[in-house]
Amino acid sequence: MSKERARNRAAREREAGIKAAARGSDQERQERTTSHPGGKAAVPGGRQAPKAAARAKNPRPGAATPPKKNRPRPAPAKPRRTAPSGRPDGPLARRRRLRIRLLVLLLLAVNVVAGVVWQDWKISLAVFILTVITAPLFAALFLRRRR
């Protein structure tokens, strides 16, 4: 399995775990509110729990009360997508890197052949400058994206 597919699978599993935990906490909260009269957690012995103890169990104020009717629920928070870091992987990126390497090797071979054929450094320098100038043109011709 490629790294990209494994990373996508791990992200899906992580999201599914987050959703399952959210469903479990919602269900637990609903059970807690429906099992106690008035939606407040009772302390064994019949008396109400002190406010500090209730906050320690449930840090959000008002979360233990039953939800009001016809009240829109807030949209669940979407996980943030981070910017990709490092070198892109995958078959398309590998193919593009291969083509770039071949283009660089071709231009380097042209320079080496020019240096061997013409011993004059002025001609070798002119060929080098010409290859540097034409490299983006060759890249545009041979490395363009096909749609």
N, C-alpha and C. Protein backbone atom coordinates (compact mmCIF):
# COMPACT_ATOMS: atom_id res chain seq x y z
N MET A 1 0.85 -1.18 0.00
CA MET A 1 0.00 0.00 0.00
C MET A 1 0.89 1.24 0.00
N SER A 2 0.56 2.23 -0.80
CA SER A 2 1.38 3.42 -0.87
C SER A 2 1.21 4.27 0.38
N LYS A 3 2.17 5.15 0.56
CA LYS A 3 2.12 6.02 1.73
C LYS A 3 0.88 6.90 1.72
N GLU A 4 0.53 7.38 0.55
CA GLU A 4 -0.63 8.28 0.44
C GLU A 4 -1.92 7.55 0.82
N ARG A 5 -2.07 6.32 0.34
CA ARG A 5 -3.28 5.56 0.67
C ARG A 5 -3.31 5.23 2.15
N ALA A 6 -2.14 4.89 2.72
CA ALA A 6 -2.09 4.58 4.15
C ALA A 6 -2.42 5.82 4.97
N ARG A 7 -1.92 6.97 4.55
CA ARG A 7 -2.20 8.22 5.26
C ARG A 7 -3.69 8.56 5.19
N ASN A 8 -4.29 8.38 4.00
CA ASN A 8 -5.73 8.65 3.86
C ASN A 8 -6.54 7.69 4.72
N ARG A 9 -6.14 6.42 4.75
CA ARG A 9 -6.85 5.44 5.57
C ARG A 9 -6.75 5.79 7.04
N ALA A 10 -5.56 6.20 7.49
CA ALA A 10 -5.39 6.59 8.90
C ALA A 10 -6.25 7.80 9.23
N ALA A 11 -6.35 8.75 8.30
CA ALA A 11 -7.18 9.93 8.54
C ALA A 11 -8.65 9.54 8.64
N ARG A 12 -9.11 8.63 7.76
CA ARG A 12 -10.50 8.17 7.83
C ARG A 12 -10.78 7.46 9.15
N GLU A 13 -9.85 6.60 9.57
CA GLU A 13 -10.03 5.90 10.84
C GLU A 13 -10.06 6.87 12.02
N ARG A 14 -9.19 7.88 11.98
CA ARG A 14 -9.16 8.88 13.05
C ARG A 14 -10.48 9.64 13.11
N GLU A 15 -11.00 10.04 11.93
CA GLU A 15 -12.28 10.75 11.90
C GLU A 15 -13.42 9.87 12.41
N ALA A 16 -13.39 8.59 12.03
CA ALA A 16 -14.44 7.67 12.49
C ALA A 16 -14.37 7.50 14.01
N GLY A 17 -13.16 7.46 14.56
CA GLY A 17 -13.01 7.36 16.01
C GLY A 17 -13.53 8.60 16.71
N ILE A 18 -13.27 9.76 16.14
CA ILE A 18 -13.76 11.01 16.73
C ILE A 18 -15.28 11.04 16.70
N LYS A 19 -15.87 10.62 15.57
CA LYS A 19 -17.33 10.61 15.47
C LYS A 19 -17.94 9.62 16.45
N ALA A 20 -17.31 8.45 16.59
CA ALA A 20 -17.84 7.44 17.52
C ALA A 20 -17.76 7.96 18.96
N ALA A 21 -16.67 8.63 19.29
CA ALA A 21 -16.54 9.18 20.65
C ALA A 21 -17.58 10.27 20.89
N ALA A 22 -17.83 11.10 19.87
CA ALA A 22 -18.83 12.15 20.02
C ALA A 22 -20.22 11.54 20.20
N ARG A 23 -20.53 10.50 19.41
CA ARG A 23 -21.84 9.84 19.57
C ARG A 23 -21.97 9.23 20.96
N GLY A 24 -20.90 8.61 21.44
CA GLY A 24 -20.93 8.00 22.77
C GLY A 24 -21.13 9.03 23.86
N SER A 25 -20.44 10.18 23.75
CA SER A 25 -20.61 11.20 24.78
C SER A 25 -22.00 11.82 24.72
N ASP A 26 -22.55 12.02 23.49
CA ASP A 26 -23.91 12.53 23.36
C ASP A 26 -24.92 11.55 23.97
N GLN A 27 -24.73 10.28 23.71
CA GLN A 27 -25.64 9.27 24.25
C GLN A 27 -25.54 9.21 25.77
N GLU A 28 -24.31 9.29 26.27
CA GLU A 28 -24.11 9.28 27.73
C GLU A 28 -24.76 10.50 28.37
N ARG A 29 -24.58 11.66 27.75
CA ARG A 29 -25.17 12.89 28.27
C ARG A 29 -26.69 12.79 28.25
N GLN A 30 -27.24 12.23 27.18
CA GLN A 30 -28.69 12.09 27.08
C GLN A 30 -29.22 11.13 28.14
N GLU A 31 -28.52 10.01 28.35
CA GLU A 31 -28.93 9.07 29.38
C GLU A 31 -28.86 9.71 30.77
N ARG A 32 -27.82 10.49 30.99
CA ARG A 32 -27.66 11.15 32.28
C ARG A 32 -28.79 12.13 32.53
N THR A 33 -29.16 12.90 31.51
CA THR A 33 -30.20 13.90 31.71
C THR A 33 -31.59 13.26 31.83
N THR A 34 -31.84 12.17 31.13
CA THR A 34 -33.17 11.56 31.21
C THR A 34 -33.33 10.68 32.44
N SER A 35 -32.25 10.18 33.00
CA SER A 35 -32.38 9.28 34.15
C SER A 35 -32.56 10.03 35.46
N HIS A 36 -32.21 11.31 35.54
CA HIS A 36 -32.34 12.09 36.77
C HIS A 36 -33.41 13.15 36.61
N PRO A 37 -34.23 13.33 37.63
CA PRO A 37 -35.27 14.36 37.53
C PRO A 37 -34.65 15.75 37.46
N GLY A 38 -35.14 16.55 36.57
CA GLY A 38 -34.65 17.92 36.46
C GLY A 38 -33.31 17.99 35.74
N GLY A 39 -32.77 16.87 35.32
CA GLY A 39 -31.52 16.87 34.59
C GLY A 39 -30.30 17.06 35.45
N LYS A 40 -30.43 16.99 36.78
CA LYS A 40 -29.28 17.20 37.65
C LYS A 40 -28.85 15.87 38.24
N ALA A 41 -27.55 15.70 38.34
CA ALA A 41 -27.04 14.45 38.90
C ALA A 41 -27.23 14.46 40.40
N ALA A 42 -27.85 13.40 40.92
CA ALA A 42 -28.10 13.31 42.35
C ALA A 42 -26.97 12.56 43.04
N VAL A 43 -26.68 12.95 44.25
CA VAL A 43 -25.67 12.28 45.06
C VAL A 43 -26.37 11.15 45.81
N PRO A 44 -25.72 10.00 46.01
CA PRO A 44 -26.37 8.94 46.79
C PRO A 44 -26.79 9.47 48.15
N GLY A 45 -27.98 9.14 48.56
CA GLY A 45 -28.52 9.65 49.82
C GLY A 45 -29.66 10.61 49.56
N GLY A 46 -29.96 10.93 48.30
CA GLY A 46 -31.13 11.72 47.98
C GLY A 46 -30.88 13.21 47.88
N ARG A 47 -29.74 13.72 48.24
CA ARG A 47 -29.53 15.17 48.16
C ARG A 47 -28.84 15.52 46.84
N GLN A 48 -28.90 16.77 46.45
CA GLN A 48 -28.30 17.23 45.21
C GLN A 48 -26.79 17.40 45.37
N ALA A 49 -26.06 17.19 44.28
CA ALA A 49 -24.60 17.35 44.33
C ALA A 49 -24.25 18.82 44.44
N PRO A 50 -23.20 19.16 45.18
CA PRO A 50 -22.75 20.56 45.23
C PRO A 50 -22.31 21.02 43.85
N LYS A 51 -22.35 22.34 43.62
CA LYS A 51 -22.03 22.89 42.31
C LYS A 51 -20.59 22.59 41.90
N ALA A 52 -19.64 22.68 42.82
CA ALA A 52 -18.24 22.44 42.48
C ALA A 52 -18.04 21.00 42.04
N ALA A 53 -18.69 20.06 42.71
CA ALA A 53 -18.55 18.65 42.34
C ALA A 53 -19.21 18.40 40.98
N ALA A 54 -20.33 19.06 40.73
CA ALA A 54 -21.01 18.88 39.44
C ALA A 54 -20.16 19.44 38.32
N ARG A 55 -19.46 20.57 38.53
CA ARG A 55 -18.60 21.15 37.51
C ARG A 55 -17.39 20.28 37.26
N ALA A 56 -16.91 19.61 38.29
CA ALA A 56 -15.75 18.74 38.10
C ALA A 56 -16.11 17.58 37.18
N LYS A 57 -17.34 17.07 37.30
CA LYS A 57 -17.77 15.99 36.42
C LYS A 57 -18.06 16.51 35.02
N ASN A 58 -18.74 17.65 34.95
CA ASN A 58 -19.17 18.19 33.68
C ASN A 58 -18.69 19.64 33.59
N PRO A 59 -17.54 19.90 32.96
CA PRO A 59 -16.97 21.23 32.99
C PRO A 59 -17.76 22.29 32.25
N ARG A 60 -18.61 21.91 31.31
CA ARG A 60 -19.38 22.91 30.58
C ARG A 60 -20.63 23.26 31.37
N PRO A 61 -20.84 24.53 31.68
CA PRO A 61 -22.05 24.89 32.41
C PRO A 61 -23.28 24.70 31.53
N GLY A 62 -24.30 24.12 32.12
CA GLY A 62 -25.56 23.94 31.40
C GLY A 62 -25.59 22.71 30.53
N ALA A 63 -24.51 21.93 30.48
CA ALA A 63 -24.48 20.76 29.61
C ALA A 63 -25.33 19.63 30.17
N ALA A 64 -25.56 19.62 31.50
CA ALA A 64 -26.34 18.54 32.11
C ALA A 64 -27.82 18.77 31.95
N THR A 65 -28.25 19.96 31.58
CA THR A 65 -29.67 20.24 31.40
C THR A 65 -30.13 19.69 30.06
N PRO A 66 -31.38 19.26 29.98
CA PRO A 66 -31.85 18.71 28.70
C PRO A 66 -31.91 19.80 27.64
N PRO A 67 -31.66 19.45 26.39
CA PRO A 67 -31.68 20.48 25.33
C PRO A 67 -33.09 21.01 25.12
N LYS A 68 -33.18 22.30 24.80
CA LYS A 68 -34.48 22.92 24.55
C LYS A 68 -34.99 22.49 23.19
N LYS A 69 -36.31 22.46 23.06
CA LYS A 69 -36.92 22.05 21.81
C LYS A 69 -36.71 23.13 20.75
N ASN A 70 -36.65 22.71 19.50
CA ASN A 70 -36.53 23.60 18.34
C ASN A 70 -35.27 24.47 18.40
N ARG A 71 -34.27 24.00 19.08
CA ARG A 71 -33.02 24.77 19.13
C ARG A 71 -32.03 24.12 18.16
N PRO A 72 -31.52 24.90 17.19
CA PRO A 72 -30.58 24.30 16.23
C PRO A 72 -29.27 23.93 16.92
N ARG A 73 -28.81 22.75 16.62
CA ARG A 73 -27.54 22.31 17.17
C ARG A 73 -26.40 22.93 16.37
N PRO A 74 -25.31 23.27 17.04
CA PRO A 74 -24.18 23.82 16.28
C PRO A 74 -23.58 22.75 15.37
N ALA A 75 -23.07 23.21 14.26
CA ALA A 75 -22.46 22.28 13.30
C ALA A 75 -21.21 21.67 13.92
N PRO A 76 -20.96 20.39 13.70
CA PRO A 76 -19.76 19.78 14.27
C PRO A 76 -18.51 20.40 13.66
N ALA A 77 -17.52 20.53 14.48
CA ALA A 77 -16.27 21.15 14.01
C ALA A 77 -15.59 20.23 13.02
N LYS A 78 -15.19 20.80 11.90
CA LYS A 78 -14.50 20.01 10.89
C LYS A 78 -13.01 19.97 11.23
N PRO A 79 -12.38 18.83 11.05
CA PRO A 79 -10.95 18.77 11.33
C PRO A 79 -10.18 19.63 10.35
N ARG A 80 -9.18 20.32 10.83
CA ARG A 80 -8.39 21.19 9.97
C ARG A 80 -7.48 20.39 9.08
N ARG A 81 -7.44 20.78 7.84
CA ARG A 81 -6.52 20.13 6.91
C ARG A 81 -5.22 20.89 6.96
N THR A 82 -4.17 20.19 7.18
CA THR A 82 -2.87 20.83 7.24
C THR A 82 -2.27 20.88 5.84
N ALA A 83 -1.41 21.83 5.64
CA ALA A 83 -0.75 21.95 4.35
C ALA A 83 0.22 20.79 4.19
N PRO A 84 0.31 20.26 2.98
CA PRO A 84 1.24 19.15 2.79
C PRO A 84 2.67 19.60 3.01
N SER A 85 3.43 18.76 3.63
CA SER A 85 4.82 19.10 3.87
C SER A 85 5.71 18.03 3.27
N GLY A 86 6.89 18.42 2.90
CA GLY A 86 7.83 17.46 2.34
C GLY A 86 7.60 17.26 0.85
N ARG A 87 8.25 16.24 0.34
CA ARG A 87 8.19 15.95 -1.09
C ARG A 87 6.90 15.21 -1.42
N PRO A 88 6.21 15.64 -2.48
CA PRO A 88 4.98 14.93 -2.84
C PRO A 88 5.31 13.52 -3.31
N ASP A 89 4.49 12.55 -2.91
CA ASP A 89 4.71 11.19 -3.34
C ASP A 89 3.55 10.73 -4.19
N GLY A 90 3.64 9.57 -4.70
CA GLY A 90 2.60 9.05 -5.58
C GLY A 90 3.16 8.81 -6.96
N PRO A 91 2.43 8.09 -7.77
CA PRO A 91 2.94 7.73 -9.10
C PRO A 91 3.12 8.92 -10.04
N LEU A 92 2.24 9.91 -9.95
CA LEU A 92 2.38 11.07 -10.84
C LEU A 92 3.60 11.90 -10.47
N ALA A 93 3.82 12.07 -9.18
CA ALA A 93 4.99 12.85 -8.74
C ALA A 93 6.28 12.12 -9.09
N ARG A 94 6.28 10.79 -8.94
CA ARG A 94 7.47 10.01 -9.31
C ARG A 94 7.77 10.13 -10.79
N ARG A 95 6.71 10.06 -11.60
CA ARG A 95 6.90 10.18 -13.05
C ARG A 95 7.44 11.56 -13.41
N ARG A 96 6.94 12.59 -12.76
CA ARG A 96 7.42 13.95 -13.04
C ARG A 96 8.88 14.12 -12.63
N ARG A 97 9.25 13.57 -11.46
CA ARG A 97 10.65 13.65 -11.03
C ARG A 97 11.57 12.91 -12.00
N LEU A 98 11.12 11.78 -12.50
CA LEU A 98 11.92 11.03 -13.47
C LEU A 98 12.13 11.84 -14.74
N ARG A 99 11.09 12.48 -15.23
CA ARG A 99 11.22 13.29 -16.44
C ARG A 99 12.13 14.49 -16.22
N ILE A 100 12.05 15.10 -15.05
CA ILE A 100 12.94 16.23 -14.75
C ILE A 100 14.39 15.76 -14.71
N ARG A 101 14.64 14.60 -14.08
CA ARG A 101 16.01 14.06 -14.03
C ARG A 101 16.53 13.78 -15.44
N LEU A 102 15.69 13.19 -16.28
CA LEU A 102 16.11 12.90 -17.64
C LEU A 102 16.44 14.18 -18.42
N LEU A 103 15.64 15.21 -18.22
CA LEU A 103 15.90 16.49 -18.89
C LEU A 103 17.22 17.09 -18.42
N VAL A 104 17.47 17.07 -17.12
CA VAL A 104 18.73 17.61 -16.59
C VAL A 104 19.92 16.80 -17.11
N LEU A 105 19.79 15.47 -17.13
CA LEU A 105 20.87 14.63 -17.66
C LEU A 105 21.12 14.91 -19.14
N LEU A 106 20.06 15.12 -19.91
CA LEU A 106 20.22 15.43 -21.33
C LEU A 106 20.98 16.75 -21.52
N LEU A 107 20.60 17.78 -20.77
CA LEU A 107 21.27 19.07 -20.90
C LEU A 107 22.72 18.99 -20.42
N LEU A 108 22.96 18.21 -19.38
CA LEU A 108 24.33 18.02 -18.90
C LEU A 108 25.17 17.28 -19.94
N ALA A 109 24.57 16.28 -20.60
CA ALA A 109 25.28 15.54 -21.64
C ALA A 109 25.63 16.45 -22.81
N VAL A 110 24.72 17.35 -23.16
CA VAL A 110 24.99 18.30 -24.24
C VAL A 110 26.19 19.17 -23.88
N ASN A 111 26.26 19.62 -22.63
CA ASN A 111 27.38 20.45 -22.20
C ASN A 111 28.70 19.67 -22.21
N VAL A 112 28.65 18.42 -21.76
CA VAL A 112 29.87 17.61 -21.74
C VAL A 112 30.35 17.33 -23.16
N VAL A 113 29.44 16.98 -24.05
CA VAL A 113 29.82 16.72 -25.45
C VAL A 113 30.39 17.99 -26.09
N ALA A 114 29.77 19.14 -25.81
CA ALA A 114 30.28 20.39 -26.37
C ALA A 114 31.68 20.69 -25.84
N GLY A 115 31.93 20.39 -24.56
CA GLY A 115 33.27 20.62 -24.01
C GLY A 115 34.30 19.68 -24.59
N VAL A 116 33.90 18.46 -24.92
CA VAL A 116 34.85 17.50 -25.50
C VAL A 116 35.11 17.82 -26.97
N VAL A 117 34.04 18.14 -27.71
CA VAL A 117 34.18 18.39 -29.14
C VAL A 117 34.94 19.69 -29.39
N TRP A 118 34.50 20.76 -28.72
CA TRP A 118 35.18 22.04 -28.89
C TRP A 118 36.01 22.33 -27.65
N GLN A 119 37.29 22.38 -27.82
CA GLN A 119 38.18 22.59 -26.68
C GLN A 119 38.20 24.06 -26.23
N ASP A 120 37.67 24.95 -27.03
CA ASP A 120 37.68 26.37 -26.70
C ASP A 120 36.66 26.64 -25.58
N TRP A 121 37.10 27.31 -24.53
CA TRP A 121 36.23 27.54 -23.38
C TRP A 121 35.11 28.53 -23.71
N LYS A 122 35.35 29.39 -24.70
CA LYS A 122 34.31 30.36 -25.07
C LYS A 122 33.09 29.66 -25.67
N ILE A 123 33.36 28.67 -26.50
CA ILE A 123 32.26 27.93 -27.11
C ILE A 123 31.54 27.09 -26.05
N SER A 124 32.31 26.48 -25.12
CA SER A 124 31.70 25.69 -24.05
C SER A 124 30.81 26.56 -23.16
N LEU A 125 31.31 27.79 -22.89
CA LEU A 125 30.52 28.71 -22.07
C LEU A 125 29.25 29.13 -22.81
N ALA A 126 29.36 29.36 -24.12
CA ALA A 126 28.19 29.75 -24.91
C ALA A 126 27.15 28.60 -24.93
N VAL A 127 27.62 27.36 -25.04
CA VAL A 127 26.69 26.22 -25.03
C VAL A 127 26.02 26.11 -23.67
N PHE A 128 26.81 26.33 -22.60
CA PHE A 128 26.23 26.27 -21.25
C PHE A 128 25.15 27.33 -21.07
N ILE A 129 25.43 28.56 -21.50
CA ILE A 129 24.44 29.63 -21.38
C ILE A 129 23.21 29.30 -22.22
N LEU A 130 23.44 28.74 -23.40
CA LEU A 130 22.31 28.37 -24.26
C LEU A 130 21.45 27.29 -23.62
N THR A 131 22.07 26.31 -22.98
CA THR A 131 21.28 25.25 -22.34
C THR A 131 20.53 25.79 -21.12
N VAL A 132 21.14 26.72 -20.38
CA VAL A 132 20.45 27.30 -19.22
C VAL A 132 19.24 28.12 -19.68
N ILE A 133 19.40 28.83 -20.79
CA ILE A 133 18.30 29.65 -21.30
C ILE A 133 17.18 28.77 -21.87
N THR A 134 17.55 27.70 -22.56
CA THR A 134 16.54 26.86 -23.20
C THR A 134 15.96 25.79 -22.27
N ALA A 135 16.52 25.59 -21.08
CA ALA A 135 16.02 24.56 -20.16
C ALA A 135 14.54 24.78 -19.81
N PRO A 136 14.09 25.99 -19.47
CA PRO A 136 12.65 26.16 -19.19
C PRO A 136 11.77 25.87 -20.40
N LEU A 137 12.29 26.17 -21.60
CA LEU A 137 11.52 25.88 -22.81
C LEU A 137 11.34 24.37 -22.97
N PHE A 138 12.43 23.62 -22.81
CA PHE A 138 12.33 22.16 -22.90
C PHE A 138 11.44 21.61 -21.80
N ALA A 139 11.54 22.18 -20.60
CA ALA A 139 10.69 21.71 -19.50
C ALA A 139 9.22 21.95 -19.84
N ALA A 140 8.92 23.09 -20.42
CA ALA A 140 7.53 23.39 -20.78
C ALA A 140 7.03 22.44 -21.88
N LEU A 141 7.93 22.08 -22.79
CA LEU A 141 7.52 21.19 -23.88
C LEU A 141 7.35 19.75 -23.42
N PHE A 142 8.32 19.26 -22.63
CA PHE A 142 8.33 17.84 -22.30
C PHE A 142 7.69 17.51 -20.96
N LEU A 143 7.55 18.48 -20.08
CA LEU A 143 7.02 18.20 -18.74
C LEU A 143 5.65 18.79 -18.50
N ARG A 144 4.99 19.23 -19.57
CA ARG A 144 3.68 19.85 -19.37
C ARG A 144 2.66 18.82 -18.92
N ARG A 145 1.63 19.31 -18.29
CA ARG A 145 0.55 18.43 -17.82
C ARG A 145 -0.45 18.23 -18.94
N ARG A 146 -0.80 17.00 -19.13
CA ARG A 146 -1.79 16.70 -20.17
C ARG A 146 -3.16 16.58 -19.50
N ARG A 147 -4.16 17.22 -20.09
CA ARG A 147 -5.50 17.21 -19.50
C ARG A 147 -6.42 16.33 -20.26
